Structure formats: C-alpha cells, structure tokens
N, C-alpha and C. Protein backbone atom coordinates (compact mmCIF):
# COMPACT_ATOMS: atom_id res chain seq x y z
N MET A 1 61.34 -2.68 28.53
CA MET A 1 61.86 -2.99 29.38
C MET A 1 63.44 -2.23 29.83
N LYS A 2 63.65 -1.71 28.64
CA LYS A 2 65.13 -0.95 28.98
C LYS A 2 64.93 0.24 30.07
N LEU A 3 63.68 1.14 29.70
CA LEU A 3 63.43 2.30 30.76
C LEU A 3 63.34 1.58 31.93
N PHE A 4 62.62 0.68 32.56
CA PHE A 4 62.65 0.29 33.77
C PHE A 4 64.23 -0.27 34.08
N GLU A 5 64.60 -1.02 33.18
CA GLU A 5 66.13 -1.25 33.93
C GLU A 5 67.17 0.17 34.06
N SER A 6 66.87 1.20 33.20
CA SER A 6 67.62 2.51 33.00
C SER A 6 67.00 2.96 34.58
N TYR A 7 65.91 3.06 34.72
CA TYR A 7 65.39 3.73 35.95
C TYR A 7 66.05 3.08 37.26
N GLY A 8 66.14 1.69 37.24
CA GLY A 8 66.67 1.00 38.49
C GLY A 8 68.14 1.47 38.36
N ARG A 9 68.79 1.33 37.55
CA ARG A 9 70.36 1.88 37.37
C ARG A 9 70.54 3.28 37.84
N LEU A 10 69.76 4.08 37.05
CA LEU A 10 70.36 5.58 37.31
C LEU A 10 69.82 6.47 38.30
N ILE A 11 68.45 5.80 38.66
CA ILE A 11 67.70 6.80 39.64
C ILE A 11 67.42 5.83 41.33
N SER A 12 66.87 4.80 41.23
CA SER A 12 66.44 3.99 42.52
C SER A 12 66.55 2.81 42.03
N SER A 13 67.45 1.97 42.40
CA SER A 13 67.45 0.73 42.37
C SER A 13 66.46 -0.04 43.31
N SER A 14 66.05 0.62 44.49
CA SER A 14 65.15 -0.13 45.59
C SER A 14 63.68 -0.30 44.80
N TYR A 15 63.22 0.75 44.34
CA TYR A 15 61.98 0.97 43.84
C TYR A 15 61.52 -0.04 42.94
N PRO A 16 62.40 -0.18 41.64
CA PRO A 16 61.83 -1.29 40.76
C PRO A 16 61.95 -2.54 41.33
N ALA A 17 63.18 -2.56 42.15
CA ALA A 17 63.38 -4.10 42.72
C ALA A 17 62.26 -4.45 43.66
N PHE A 18 61.74 -3.69 44.47
CA PHE A 18 60.25 -3.75 45.20
C PHE A 18 59.24 -4.26 44.34
N LEU A 19 59.04 -3.62 43.44
CA LEU A 19 57.81 -3.55 42.31
C LEU A 19 58.16 -5.19 41.62
N ASN A 20 59.36 -5.44 41.61
CA ASN A 20 59.38 -6.80 40.83
C ASN A 20 59.12 -7.63 41.76
N LYS A 21 59.55 -7.61 43.12
CA LYS A 21 59.16 -8.63 44.03
C LYS A 21 57.53 -8.85 44.15
N LEU A 22 56.87 -7.79 44.06
CA LEU A 22 55.30 -7.80 44.01
C LEU A 22 54.95 -8.86 42.45
N GLY A 23 55.77 -8.71 41.71
CA GLY A 23 55.32 -9.33 40.45
C GLY A 23 55.25 -8.29 39.19
N LEU A 24 55.82 -6.88 39.38
CA LEU A 24 55.47 -6.15 38.28
C LEU A 24 57.09 -6.23 37.66
N ASN A 25 57.00 -6.83 36.81
CA ASN A 25 58.44 -7.01 35.85
C ASN A 25 58.79 -6.09 34.68
N GLY A 26 58.09 -4.99 34.88
CA GLY A 26 58.49 -4.05 33.65
C GLY A 26 57.71 -2.86 34.11
N PRO A 27 57.92 -1.57 33.08
CA PRO A 27 57.34 -0.28 33.44
C PRO A 27 55.62 -0.53 33.48
N ALA A 28 55.21 0.33 34.49
CA ALA A 28 53.57 0.47 34.69
C ALA A 28 52.95 0.88 33.23
N ALA A 29 52.00 0.27 33.21
CA ALA A 29 51.21 0.81 31.83
C ALA A 29 50.33 2.13 32.32
N ARG A 30 50.20 2.10 33.73
CA ARG A 30 48.99 3.30 33.96
C ARG A 30 49.35 3.32 35.57
N ALA A 31 49.74 4.51 36.11
CA ALA A 31 49.82 4.89 37.58
C ALA A 31 48.86 6.14 38.12
N GLU A 32 48.12 5.98 38.84
CA GLU A 32 46.91 6.87 39.51
C GLU A 32 46.72 6.71 40.68
N GLY A 33 46.58 7.75 41.70
CA GLY A 33 46.65 7.67 43.02
C GLY A 33 47.50 6.89 43.54
N ALA A 34 46.74 5.68 44.32
CA ALA A 34 47.83 4.81 44.97
C ALA A 34 47.93 3.60 44.29
N THR A 35 47.66 3.54 43.03
CA THR A 35 47.61 2.32 42.29
C THR A 35 48.61 2.64 41.41
N ILE A 36 49.10 1.14 40.74
CA ILE A 36 49.88 0.91 39.35
C ILE A 36 49.57 -0.28 38.72
N THR A 37 49.40 0.07 37.55
CA THR A 37 48.89 -1.16 36.53
C THR A 37 49.86 -1.52 35.70
N ASP A 38 50.02 -2.72 35.58
CA ASP A 38 50.79 -3.19 34.58
C ASP A 38 50.26 -3.40 33.35
N SER A 39 51.13 -3.91 31.99
CA SER A 39 50.40 -4.05 30.87
C SER A 39 49.52 -5.15 30.81
N ASP A 40 49.51 -6.28 31.79
CA ASP A 40 48.57 -7.17 31.76
C ASP A 40 46.97 -6.83 32.65
N GLY A 41 46.90 -5.47 33.10
CA GLY A 41 46.07 -5.11 33.77
C GLY A 41 45.53 -5.72 35.34
N LYS A 42 46.84 -6.13 35.69
CA LYS A 42 47.06 -6.43 37.18
C LYS A 42 47.34 -5.19 37.72
N VAL A 43 46.63 -4.92 38.99
CA VAL A 43 46.84 -3.59 39.51
C VAL A 43 47.52 -4.04 41.24
N PHE A 44 48.54 -2.93 41.19
CA PHE A 44 49.19 -3.21 42.58
C PHE A 44 49.13 -1.74 43.43
N ILE A 45 49.01 -1.79 44.67
CA ILE A 45 48.70 -0.79 45.55
C ILE A 45 50.53 -0.30 45.77
N ASP A 46 50.62 0.79 45.44
CA ASP A 46 51.83 1.21 45.55
C ASP A 46 52.14 2.12 46.98
N CYS A 47 52.52 1.14 47.85
CA CYS A 47 52.79 1.88 49.33
C CYS A 47 53.98 2.26 49.47
N ILE A 48 54.79 2.53 48.56
CA ILE A 48 56.41 3.26 49.02
C ILE A 48 56.10 4.74 48.75
N GLY A 49 56.49 5.18 49.82
CA GLY A 49 56.70 6.47 49.88
C GLY A 49 58.03 7.13 49.98
N GLY A 50 58.89 6.82 49.18
CA GLY A 50 60.22 7.02 48.94
C GLY A 50 60.62 8.40 48.53
N TYR A 51 59.78 8.95 47.47
CA TYR A 51 59.69 10.30 47.32
C TYR A 51 58.92 11.13 47.75
N GLY A 52 59.26 12.39 48.05
CA GLY A 52 58.30 13.34 48.62
C GLY A 52 56.88 13.38 47.57
N LEU A 53 56.82 13.42 46.42
CA LEU A 53 55.73 13.23 45.51
C LEU A 53 54.88 12.09 45.51
N PHE A 54 55.60 11.17 45.88
CA PHE A 54 54.92 9.66 45.83
C PHE A 54 53.86 9.94 46.80
N ASN A 55 53.84 10.72 47.90
CA ASN A 55 52.98 10.81 49.12
C ASN A 55 51.41 11.20 48.57
N VAL A 56 51.72 12.11 47.27
CA VAL A 56 50.45 12.82 47.14
C VAL A 56 49.83 11.95 45.67
N GLY A 57 50.37 10.82 45.75
CA GLY A 57 49.80 9.85 44.79
C GLY A 57 50.01 10.23 43.23
N HIS A 58 50.35 9.22 42.11
CA HIS A 58 50.47 9.03 40.88
C HIS A 58 49.83 10.07 40.10
N ASN A 59 49.73 10.81 39.30
CA ASN A 59 49.21 11.55 38.51
C ASN A 59 48.16 12.52 39.19
N ASN A 60 48.15 13.09 40.34
CA ASN A 60 47.46 14.04 41.10
C ASN A 60 47.21 15.06 40.45
N PRO A 61 45.87 15.41 40.44
CA PRO A 61 45.27 16.25 39.40
C PRO A 61 45.94 18.06 40.14
N ALA A 62 45.95 17.84 41.26
CA ALA A 62 46.44 19.48 41.75
C ALA A 62 47.88 19.51 41.69
N VAL A 63 48.71 18.63 41.63
CA VAL A 63 49.90 18.66 41.39
C VAL A 63 50.17 18.87 39.74
N ILE A 64 49.57 18.17 38.84
CA ILE A 64 49.54 18.52 37.50
C ILE A 64 49.17 19.79 37.27
N GLU A 65 48.21 20.56 37.91
CA GLU A 65 47.38 21.71 37.56
C GLU A 65 48.94 22.88 37.88
N ALA A 66 49.15 22.46 39.45
CA ALA A 66 50.32 23.49 39.80
C ALA A 66 51.52 23.61 38.74
N LEU A 67 51.75 22.57 38.31
CA LEU A 67 53.10 22.37 37.55
C LEU A 67 52.63 23.03 36.28
N THR A 68 51.54 22.79 35.69
CA THR A 68 51.21 23.34 34.21
C THR A 68 50.85 24.93 34.23
N ASP A 69 50.40 25.66 35.44
CA ASP A 69 50.31 26.67 35.52
C ASP A 69 51.77 27.40 35.90
N GLN A 70 52.85 26.89 36.12
CA GLN A 70 53.93 27.53 36.19
C GLN A 70 54.50 27.98 34.83
C-alpha cells in the first residue's frame, strides 16, 4: 500500500484517486494492454490516457523491445 500512496503523493494524485473510485484500493497485481488487474483478480479497463505512454497500453511488447534495444 505504501507504493500506491507514494505514487499518489509524488507523481500523480489524480490517477490513483480515479482507480480508487473504481474500486482498486492498492497497487495493481498486473497491467497489460488496456486492463489492470488487482490482487483479488478483479479486472479494470484503464481508460485514462493521462501520460503519453498510457496510450500504447501497459506492457506493450513493441515499447519494451525498443527500450531493451537501447
């Protein structure tokens, strides 16, 4: 929970607050494409495009490959 709270305090207070309103009350257990899965297995559609990288989806293989190749 500390990581989730730190993210909200240091990086973006609106993103965790929005996810909290949807029912995600802690860090995601998994994020892939347009979905986030919590530790209970509940899947959320991440419809926030707040950061440029979010627009390509979580864990996008093309982005990971490009970063790894650098």
